[in-house]
Amino acid sequence: MIKLIFKILIIIFGVILQLVLIPILNIKGIYPNIILISVVVLTLMDFTTDAFLVACFGGICLDMAGVLPFGLNTLFLIGLIFLIQYLITKYFPQINVLIIIIVTFLSSLLFYLFSSLILKIPLNWLIFLEGIYAILLSLIFFIVLRIFIQHSAIVKIEKQ
């Protein structure tokens, strides 16, 4: 129960970061969707339950604060988890940094294509800049998560 509360607090922090700090760090009006990045990296690293938690709770928070019709962020993120799971099962049994880069970039492009179609906003080349920005953040998130996993494994071994 404590782990679940801790995870929800981290998601709330991520949503606040997404809504408050990330827009300040925009590049030419483009800023990455850290909830999307979290869902992609967690799914690729086989933390599917946590990815669903982020997609549902983070997606609902983004739906409440975003410009898309309510529910579309959440539905997109959940659908993305299923798509990534299918791709992992079918084509990528071994996950590496290159796959994280490619899947993050394509997921980011897909999200902005989806958003642009719904909002009837014309696409431009800046979505590629957002994809690159998302790649950088996903690599940071991947490294931090990897370090946390390794540290957690060390602590479990020491306690025994």
N, C-alpha and C. Protein backbone atom coordinates (compact mmCIF):
# COMPACT_ATOMS: atom_id res chain seq x y z
N MET A 1 0.82 -1.19 0.00
CA MET A 1 0.00 0.00 0.00
C MET A 1 0.87 1.26 0.00
N ILE A 2 1.94 1.21 0.78
CA ILE A 2 2.84 2.36 0.85
C ILE A 2 3.52 2.58 -0.50
N LYS A 3 3.89 1.48 -1.18
CA LYS A 3 4.49 1.60 -2.51
C LYS A 3 3.53 2.26 -3.49
N LEU A 4 2.26 1.89 -3.44
CA LEU A 4 1.26 2.47 -4.33
C LEU A 4 1.10 3.97 -4.07
N ILE A 5 1.03 4.35 -2.80
CA ILE A 5 0.92 5.77 -2.45
C ILE A 5 2.16 6.52 -2.93
N PHE A 6 3.32 5.94 -2.74
CA PHE A 6 4.57 6.56 -3.20
C PHE A 6 4.57 6.73 -4.72
N LYS A 7 4.11 5.71 -5.45
CA LYS A 7 4.04 5.80 -6.91
C LYS A 7 3.07 6.88 -7.35
N ILE A 8 1.93 6.97 -6.67
CA ILE A 8 0.95 8.00 -7.02
C ILE A 8 1.52 9.39 -6.75
N LEU A 9 2.25 9.55 -5.65
CA LEU A 9 2.88 10.84 -5.37
C LEU A 9 3.92 11.20 -6.43
N ILE A 10 4.66 10.21 -6.91
CA ILE A 10 5.64 10.46 -7.98
C ILE A 10 4.91 10.88 -9.26
N ILE A 11 3.79 10.23 -9.55
CA ILE A 11 3.01 10.59 -10.75
C ILE A 11 2.47 12.01 -10.62
N ILE A 12 1.96 12.35 -9.44
CA ILE A 12 1.47 13.72 -9.21
C ILE A 12 2.60 14.72 -9.41
N PHE A 13 3.78 14.40 -8.89
CA PHE A 13 4.94 15.26 -9.09
C PHE A 13 5.26 15.38 -10.57
N GLY A 14 5.19 14.27 -11.30
CA GLY A 14 5.45 14.29 -12.73
C GLY A 14 4.45 15.14 -13.50
N VAL A 15 3.18 15.05 -13.10
CA VAL A 15 2.14 15.86 -13.76
C VAL A 15 2.37 17.34 -13.46
N ILE A 16 2.68 17.66 -12.21
CA ILE A 16 2.96 19.06 -11.86
C ILE A 16 4.17 19.55 -12.64
N LEU A 17 5.19 18.72 -12.73
CA LEU A 17 6.38 19.06 -13.52
C LEU A 17 6.00 19.29 -14.98
N GLN A 18 5.16 18.43 -15.52
CA GLN A 18 4.70 18.55 -16.91
C GLN A 18 3.94 19.85 -17.13
N LEU A 19 3.09 20.20 -16.20
CA LEU A 19 2.22 21.36 -16.39
C LEU A 19 2.89 22.69 -16.02
N VAL A 20 3.87 22.67 -15.12
CA VAL A 20 4.45 23.93 -14.64
C VAL A 20 5.86 24.16 -15.15
N LEU A 21 6.74 23.20 -14.96
CA LEU A 21 8.16 23.43 -15.27
C LEU A 21 8.51 23.19 -16.73
N ILE A 22 8.01 22.13 -17.31
CA ILE A 22 8.37 21.79 -18.69
C ILE A 22 8.00 22.90 -19.67
N PRO A 23 6.82 23.55 -19.55
CA PRO A 23 6.54 24.65 -20.49
C PRO A 23 7.56 25.79 -20.41
N ILE A 24 8.16 25.98 -19.25
CA ILE A 24 9.19 27.01 -19.11
C ILE A 24 10.44 26.61 -19.88
N LEU A 25 10.70 25.31 -19.98
CA LEU A 25 11.89 24.79 -20.66
C LEU A 25 11.63 24.50 -22.13
N ASN A 26 10.64 25.17 -22.72
CA ASN A 26 10.30 24.88 -24.10
C ASN A 26 11.38 25.38 -25.05
N ILE A 27 11.44 24.72 -26.19
CA ILE A 27 12.35 25.11 -27.27
C ILE A 27 11.48 25.43 -28.47
N LYS A 28 11.43 26.69 -28.84
CA LYS A 28 10.60 27.15 -29.97
C LYS A 28 9.14 26.73 -29.83
N GLY A 29 8.64 26.75 -28.59
CA GLY A 29 7.24 26.40 -28.35
C GLY A 29 6.98 24.92 -28.24
N ILE A 30 7.99 24.11 -28.29
CA ILE A 30 7.84 22.66 -28.19
C ILE A 30 8.39 22.20 -26.84
N TYR A 31 7.60 21.39 -26.17
CA TYR A 31 8.08 20.80 -24.92
C TYR A 31 7.65 19.34 -24.86
N PRO A 32 8.49 18.51 -24.26
CA PRO A 32 8.20 17.08 -24.25
C PRO A 32 7.09 16.72 -23.27
N ASN A 33 6.44 15.63 -23.55
CA ASN A 33 5.39 15.11 -22.70
C ASN A 33 6.03 14.05 -21.79
N ILE A 34 6.36 14.45 -20.55
CA ILE A 34 7.08 13.51 -19.68
C ILE A 34 6.21 12.34 -19.23
N ILE A 35 4.91 12.52 -19.24
CA ILE A 35 4.03 11.39 -18.92
C ILE A 35 4.14 10.35 -20.04
N LEU A 36 4.13 10.80 -21.27
CA LEU A 36 4.30 9.91 -22.43
C LEU A 36 5.66 9.21 -22.37
N ILE A 37 6.70 9.97 -22.07
CA ILE A 37 8.05 9.40 -21.98
C ILE A 37 8.11 8.35 -20.87
N SER A 38 7.50 8.64 -19.74
CA SER A 38 7.48 7.68 -18.63
C SER A 38 6.78 6.39 -19.03
N VAL A 39 5.65 6.52 -19.71
CA VAL A 39 4.90 5.34 -20.15
C VAL A 39 5.74 4.50 -21.10
N VAL A 40 6.41 5.14 -22.04
CA VAL A 40 7.23 4.42 -23.02
C VAL A 40 8.37 3.69 -22.33
N VAL A 41 9.12 4.38 -21.50
CA VAL A 41 10.29 3.76 -20.85
C VAL A 41 9.87 2.66 -19.88
N LEU A 42 8.83 2.92 -19.09
CA LEU A 42 8.37 1.88 -18.16
C LEU A 42 7.89 0.64 -18.89
N THR A 43 7.17 0.83 -20.00
CA THR A 43 6.70 -0.32 -20.77
C THR A 43 7.86 -1.08 -21.38
N LEU A 44 8.82 -0.37 -21.94
CA LEU A 44 9.97 -1.04 -22.56
C LEU A 44 10.82 -1.78 -21.53
N MET A 45 10.86 -1.27 -20.30
CA MET A 45 11.66 -1.92 -19.26
C MET A 45 10.86 -2.97 -18.49
N ASP A 46 9.68 -3.31 -19.02
CA ASP A 46 8.82 -4.37 -18.46
C ASP A 46 8.24 -4.02 -17.09
N PHE A 47 7.94 -2.76 -16.88
CA PHE A 47 7.19 -2.31 -15.71
C PHE A 47 5.79 -1.93 -16.18
N THR A 48 5.11 -2.88 -16.77
CA THR A 48 3.83 -2.62 -17.42
C THR A 48 2.77 -2.14 -16.43
N THR A 49 2.73 -2.71 -15.24
CA THR A 49 1.75 -2.29 -14.24
C THR A 49 1.96 -0.82 -13.88
N ASP A 50 3.23 -0.44 -13.68
CA ASP A 50 3.53 0.96 -13.38
C ASP A 50 3.22 1.85 -14.57
N ALA A 51 3.45 1.36 -15.77
CA ALA A 51 3.13 2.13 -16.97
C ALA A 51 1.63 2.37 -17.06
N PHE A 52 0.82 1.36 -16.73
CA PHE A 52 -0.63 1.54 -16.73
C PHE A 52 -1.06 2.55 -15.66
N LEU A 53 -0.42 2.50 -14.50
CA LEU A 53 -0.73 3.46 -13.44
C LEU A 53 -0.42 4.88 -13.90
N VAL A 54 0.73 5.07 -14.52
CA VAL A 54 1.10 6.39 -15.04
C VAL A 54 0.14 6.81 -16.15
N ALA A 55 -0.17 5.88 -17.05
CA ALA A 55 -1.07 6.20 -18.17
C ALA A 55 -2.45 6.60 -17.67
N CYS A 56 -2.98 5.85 -16.72
CA CYS A 56 -4.33 6.15 -16.23
C CYS A 56 -4.36 7.42 -15.38
N PHE A 57 -3.57 7.45 -14.34
CA PHE A 57 -3.61 8.59 -13.42
C PHE A 57 -3.02 9.85 -14.06
N GLY A 58 -1.85 9.70 -14.68
CA GLY A 58 -1.23 10.85 -15.35
C GLY A 58 -2.05 11.33 -16.54
N GLY A 59 -2.62 10.38 -17.28
CA GLY A 59 -3.45 10.73 -18.42
C GLY A 59 -4.69 11.50 -18.01
N ILE A 60 -5.33 11.08 -16.92
CA ILE A 60 -6.52 11.79 -16.43
C ILE A 60 -6.14 13.21 -15.99
N CYS A 61 -5.01 13.34 -15.30
CA CYS A 61 -4.57 14.68 -14.89
C CYS A 61 -4.29 15.56 -16.11
N LEU A 62 -3.64 14.99 -17.12
CA LEU A 62 -3.40 15.76 -18.35
C LEU A 62 -4.71 16.08 -19.07
N ASP A 63 -5.65 15.16 -19.02
CA ASP A 63 -6.96 15.41 -19.63
C ASP A 63 -7.66 16.59 -18.96
N MET A 64 -7.55 16.67 -17.64
CA MET A 64 -8.20 17.76 -16.92
C MET A 64 -7.55 19.11 -17.23
N ALA A 65 -6.25 19.11 -17.48
CA ALA A 65 -5.54 20.37 -17.70
C ALA A 65 -5.27 20.67 -19.17
N GLY A 66 -5.47 19.70 -20.04
CA GLY A 66 -5.08 19.85 -21.43
C GLY A 66 -6.16 20.42 -22.32
N VAL A 67 -5.80 20.54 -23.59
CA VAL A 67 -6.71 21.10 -24.59
C VAL A 67 -7.45 20.03 -25.38
N LEU A 68 -6.99 18.81 -25.32
CA LEU A 68 -7.68 17.72 -26.02
C LEU A 68 -8.98 17.39 -25.30
N PRO A 69 -9.96 16.87 -26.01
CA PRO A 69 -11.20 16.43 -25.35
C PRO A 69 -10.88 15.43 -24.23
N PHE A 70 -11.67 15.51 -23.16
CA PHE A 70 -11.39 14.71 -21.98
C PHE A 70 -11.36 13.22 -22.31
N GLY A 71 -10.31 12.57 -21.84
CA GLY A 71 -10.16 11.13 -22.01
C GLY A 71 -9.22 10.72 -23.13
N LEU A 72 -8.93 11.61 -24.06
CA LEU A 72 -8.10 11.22 -25.20
C LEU A 72 -6.63 11.00 -24.81
N ASN A 73 -6.10 11.81 -23.90
CA ASN A 73 -4.73 11.57 -23.43
C ASN A 73 -4.63 10.18 -22.80
N THR A 74 -5.58 9.88 -21.93
CA THR A 74 -5.56 8.59 -21.24
C THR A 74 -5.71 7.43 -22.23
N LEU A 75 -6.65 7.54 -23.14
CA LEU A 75 -6.85 6.48 -24.13
C LEU A 75 -5.62 6.30 -25.02
N PHE A 76 -5.01 7.41 -25.42
CA PHE A 76 -3.82 7.31 -26.24
C PHE A 76 -2.69 6.60 -25.48
N LEU A 77 -2.47 7.00 -24.23
CA LEU A 77 -1.38 6.40 -23.45
C LEU A 77 -1.60 4.91 -23.21
N ILE A 78 -2.84 4.53 -22.91
CA ILE A 78 -3.14 3.10 -22.70
C ILE A 78 -2.97 2.33 -24.01
N GLY A 79 -3.46 2.90 -25.10
CA GLY A 79 -3.27 2.26 -26.40
C GLY A 79 -1.80 2.12 -26.76
N LEU A 80 -1.01 3.12 -26.38
CA LEU A 80 0.43 3.08 -26.64
C LEU A 80 1.10 1.93 -25.89
N ILE A 81 0.65 1.68 -24.68
CA ILE A 81 1.20 0.55 -23.91
C ILE A 81 0.93 -0.76 -24.65
N PHE A 82 -0.29 -0.94 -25.11
CA PHE A 82 -0.62 -2.17 -25.85
C PHE A 82 0.20 -2.28 -27.14
N LEU A 83 0.37 -1.17 -27.84
CA LEU A 83 1.16 -1.17 -29.07
C LEU A 83 2.62 -1.53 -28.79
N ILE A 84 3.19 -0.93 -27.75
CA ILE A 84 4.59 -1.23 -27.42
C ILE A 84 4.73 -2.68 -26.97
N GLN A 85 3.78 -3.17 -26.18
CA GLN A 85 3.82 -4.58 -25.76
C GLN A 85 3.78 -5.51 -26.96
N TYR A 86 2.94 -5.19 -27.93
CA TYR A 86 2.87 -5.99 -29.15
C TYR A 86 4.20 -5.96 -29.89
N LEU A 87 4.78 -4.78 -30.04
CA LEU A 87 6.07 -4.65 -30.74
C LEU A 87 7.18 -5.40 -30.02
N ILE A 88 7.18 -5.34 -28.69
CA ILE A 88 8.20 -6.06 -27.91
C ILE A 88 8.05 -7.56 -28.14
N THR A 89 6.84 -8.05 -28.05
CA THR A 89 6.58 -9.48 -28.21
C THR A 89 6.94 -9.95 -29.61
N LYS A 90 6.57 -9.17 -30.60
CA LYS A 90 6.72 -9.59 -31.99
C LYS A 90 8.11 -9.32 -32.56
N TYR A 91 8.69 -8.14 -32.25
CA TYR A 91 9.90 -7.73 -32.96
C TYR A 91 11.12 -7.44 -32.08
N PHE A 92 10.92 -7.07 -30.83
CA PHE A 92 12.05 -6.64 -30.00
C PHE A 92 12.14 -7.45 -28.71
N PRO A 93 12.53 -8.70 -28.78
CA PRO A 93 12.63 -9.47 -27.53
C PRO A 93 13.73 -8.95 -26.61
N GLN A 94 14.74 -8.32 -27.19
CA GLN A 94 15.85 -7.77 -26.42
C GLN A 94 15.79 -6.24 -26.50
N ILE A 95 15.58 -5.58 -25.36
CA ILE A 95 15.48 -4.12 -25.33
C ILE A 95 16.87 -3.54 -25.10
N ASN A 96 17.22 -2.55 -25.93
CA ASN A 96 18.48 -1.84 -25.73
C ASN A 96 18.23 -0.34 -25.90
N VAL A 97 19.27 0.44 -25.78
CA VAL A 97 19.15 1.90 -25.84
C VAL A 97 18.63 2.35 -27.20
N LEU A 98 19.06 1.72 -28.27
CA LEU A 98 18.61 2.11 -29.60
C LEU A 98 17.09 1.92 -29.75
N ILE A 99 16.56 0.86 -29.21
CA ILE A 99 15.12 0.63 -29.27
C ILE A 99 14.38 1.68 -28.46
N ILE A 100 14.92 2.03 -27.30
CA ILE A 100 14.31 3.09 -26.49
C ILE A 100 14.29 4.41 -27.26
N ILE A 101 15.38 4.72 -27.94
CA ILE A 101 15.45 5.94 -28.73
C ILE A 101 14.41 5.93 -29.85
N ILE A 102 14.35 4.84 -30.60
CA ILE A 102 13.43 4.75 -31.73
C ILE A 102 11.98 4.79 -31.27
N VAL A 103 11.64 3.98 -30.27
CA VAL A 103 10.25 3.91 -29.81
C VAL A 103 9.81 5.24 -29.18
N THR A 104 10.70 5.88 -28.43
CA THR A 104 10.35 7.19 -27.84
C THR A 104 10.11 8.21 -28.93
N PHE A 105 10.98 8.26 -29.92
CA PHE A 105 10.84 9.22 -31.01
C PHE A 105 9.53 9.00 -31.78
N LEU A 106 9.27 7.75 -32.15
CA LEU A 106 8.05 7.44 -32.90
C LEU A 106 6.79 7.65 -32.06
N SER A 107 6.84 7.34 -30.77
CA SER A 107 5.69 7.57 -29.89
C SER A 107 5.39 9.05 -29.77
N SER A 108 6.43 9.84 -29.65
CA SER A 108 6.27 11.29 -29.57
C SER A 108 5.66 11.85 -30.85
N LEU A 109 6.17 11.41 -31.99
CA LEU A 109 5.61 11.85 -33.27
C LEU A 109 4.15 11.42 -33.41
N LEU A 110 3.87 10.19 -33.01
CA LEU A 110 2.50 9.68 -33.10
C LEU A 110 1.55 10.49 -32.22
N PHE A 111 2.00 10.83 -31.01
CA PHE A 111 1.16 11.63 -30.10
C PHE A 111 0.86 13.00 -30.70
N TYR A 112 1.88 13.66 -31.25
CA TYR A 112 1.65 14.99 -31.80
C TYR A 112 0.87 14.94 -33.12
N LEU A 113 1.02 13.88 -33.86
CA LEU A 113 0.20 13.70 -35.05
C LEU A 113 -1.27 13.52 -34.65
N PHE A 114 -1.50 12.67 -33.65
CA PHE A 114 -2.83 12.43 -33.11
C PHE A 114 -3.45 13.73 -32.59
N SER A 115 -2.68 14.48 -31.80
CA SER A 115 -3.17 15.75 -31.24
C SER A 115 -3.49 16.75 -32.34
N SER A 116 -2.62 16.83 -33.33
CA SER A 116 -2.82 17.78 -34.42
C SER A 116 -4.06 17.45 -35.23
N LEU A 117 -4.30 16.17 -35.44
CA LEU A 117 -5.50 15.76 -36.18
C LEU A 117 -6.78 16.09 -35.40
N ILE A 118 -6.76 15.83 -34.11
CA ILE A 118 -7.93 16.09 -33.27
C ILE A 118 -8.21 17.60 -33.19
N LEU A 119 -7.13 18.38 -32.99
CA LEU A 119 -7.30 19.83 -32.82
C LEU A 119 -7.29 20.60 -34.14
N LYS A 120 -7.06 19.87 -35.24
CA LYS A 120 -7.01 20.47 -36.58
C LYS A 120 -5.94 21.56 -36.66
N ILE A 121 -4.76 21.23 -36.13
CA ILE A 121 -3.61 22.13 -36.17
C ILE A 121 -2.65 21.59 -37.23
N PRO A 122 -2.15 22.45 -38.11
CA PRO A 122 -1.21 21.96 -39.13
C PRO A 122 0.11 21.52 -38.50
N LEU A 123 0.67 20.46 -39.04
CA LEU A 123 1.96 19.96 -38.56
C LEU A 123 3.09 20.78 -39.16
N ASN A 124 4.20 20.84 -38.43
CA ASN A 124 5.40 21.45 -38.99
C ASN A 124 6.62 20.67 -38.52
N TRP A 125 7.78 21.10 -38.94
CA TRP A 125 9.02 20.37 -38.66
C TRP A 125 9.38 20.36 -37.19
N LEU A 126 8.77 21.20 -36.37
CA LEU A 126 9.12 21.28 -34.95
C LEU A 126 8.76 20.00 -34.18
N ILE A 127 7.87 19.18 -34.74
CA ILE A 127 7.56 17.92 -34.04
C ILE A 127 8.79 17.01 -33.99
N PHE A 128 9.68 17.15 -34.96
CA PHE A 128 10.91 16.36 -34.93
C PHE A 128 11.83 16.85 -33.82
N LEU A 129 11.83 18.16 -33.58
CA LEU A 129 12.60 18.72 -32.47
C LEU A 129 12.06 18.20 -31.14
N GLU A 130 10.73 18.13 -31.04
CA GLU A 130 10.13 17.59 -29.83
C GLU A 130 10.49 16.12 -29.64
N GLY A 131 10.56 15.37 -30.73
CA GLY A 131 10.96 13.97 -30.66
C GLY A 131 12.38 13.81 -30.15
N ILE A 132 13.26 14.69 -30.60
CA ILE A 132 14.66 14.64 -30.14
C ILE A 132 14.74 15.02 -28.66
N TYR A 133 13.99 16.02 -28.27
CA TYR A 133 13.92 16.44 -26.87
C TYR A 133 13.41 15.27 -26.01
N ALA A 134 12.40 14.58 -26.49
CA ALA A 134 11.84 13.43 -25.78
C ALA A 134 12.87 12.31 -25.66
N ILE A 135 13.66 12.11 -26.70
CA ILE A 135 14.72 11.09 -26.65
C ILE A 135 15.70 11.39 -25.53
N LEU A 136 16.14 12.64 -25.45
CA LEU A 136 17.11 13.02 -24.40
C LEU A 136 16.54 12.75 -23.01
N LEU A 137 15.29 13.15 -22.80
CA LEU A 137 14.69 12.91 -21.48
C LEU A 137 14.44 11.43 -21.22
N SER A 138 14.09 10.67 -22.25
CA SER A 138 13.87 9.25 -22.04
C SER A 138 15.16 8.52 -21.67
N LEU A 139 16.27 8.95 -22.26
CA LEU A 139 17.56 8.35 -21.91
C LEU A 139 17.93 8.67 -20.46
N ILE A 140 17.66 9.89 -20.03
CA ILE A 140 17.92 10.25 -18.63
C ILE A 140 17.04 9.42 -17.71
N PHE A 141 15.75 9.30 -18.05
CA PHE A 141 14.83 8.51 -17.24
C PHE A 141 15.25 7.04 -17.21
N PHE A 142 15.68 6.51 -18.35
CA PHE A 142 16.13 5.12 -18.44
C PHE A 142 17.35 4.90 -17.54
N ILE A 143 18.31 5.80 -17.60
CA ILE A 143 19.53 5.66 -16.78
C ILE A 143 19.20 5.74 -15.29
N VAL A 144 18.37 6.71 -14.90
CA VAL A 144 17.99 6.84 -13.49
C VAL A 144 17.24 5.60 -13.02
N LEU A 145 16.32 5.11 -13.82
CA LEU A 145 15.57 3.91 -13.46
C LEU A 145 16.49 2.70 -13.37
N ARG A 146 17.43 2.59 -14.28
CA ARG A 146 18.39 1.48 -14.26
C ARG A 146 19.24 1.52 -13.00
N ILE A 147 19.72 2.72 -12.62
CA ILE A 147 20.51 2.87 -11.39
C ILE A 147 19.66 2.51 -10.18
N PHE A 148 18.42 2.97 -10.16
CA PHE A 148 17.52 2.66 -9.05
C PHE A 148 17.29 1.16 -8.92
N ILE A 149 17.10 0.49 -10.04
CA ILE A 149 16.89 -0.97 -10.04
C ILE A 149 18.13 -1.68 -9.50
N GLN A 150 19.30 -1.27 -9.96
CA GLN A 150 20.54 -1.89 -9.49
C GLN A 150 20.75 -1.64 -8.00
N HIS A 151 20.48 -0.41 -7.56
CA HIS A 151 20.62 -0.09 -6.14
C HIS A 151 19.62 -0.89 -5.31
N SER A 152 18.41 -1.02 -5.80
CA SER A 152 17.39 -1.78 -5.11
C SER A 152 17.79 -3.25 -4.98
N ALA A 153 18.39 -3.81 -6.03
CA ALA A 153 18.85 -5.20 -5.98
C ALA A 153 19.96 -5.38 -4.97
N ILE A 154 20.85 -4.41 -4.84
CA ILE A 154 21.93 -4.47 -3.86
C ILE A 154 21.37 -4.44 -2.46
N VAL A 155 20.41 -3.58 -2.21
CA VAL A 155 19.80 -3.48 -0.88
C VAL A 155 19.12 -4.78 -0.51
N LYS A 156 18.42 -5.41 -1.45
CA LYS A 156 17.74 -6.68 -1.16
C LYS A 156 18.74 -7.78 -0.82
N ILE A 157 19.88 -7.79 -1.52
CA ILE A 157 20.90 -8.80 -1.24
C ILE A 157 21.50 -8.59 0.14
N GLU A 158 21.77 -7.33 0.51
CA GLU A 158 22.37 -7.03 1.81
C GLU A 158 21.44 -7.36 2.96
N LYS A 159 20.12 -7.22 2.77
CA LYS A 159 19.19 -7.50 3.86
C LYS A 159 19.09 -8.99 4.16
N GLN A 160 19.38 -9.83 3.20
CA GLN A 160 19.28 -11.27 3.42
C GLN A 160 20.45 -11.72 4.20
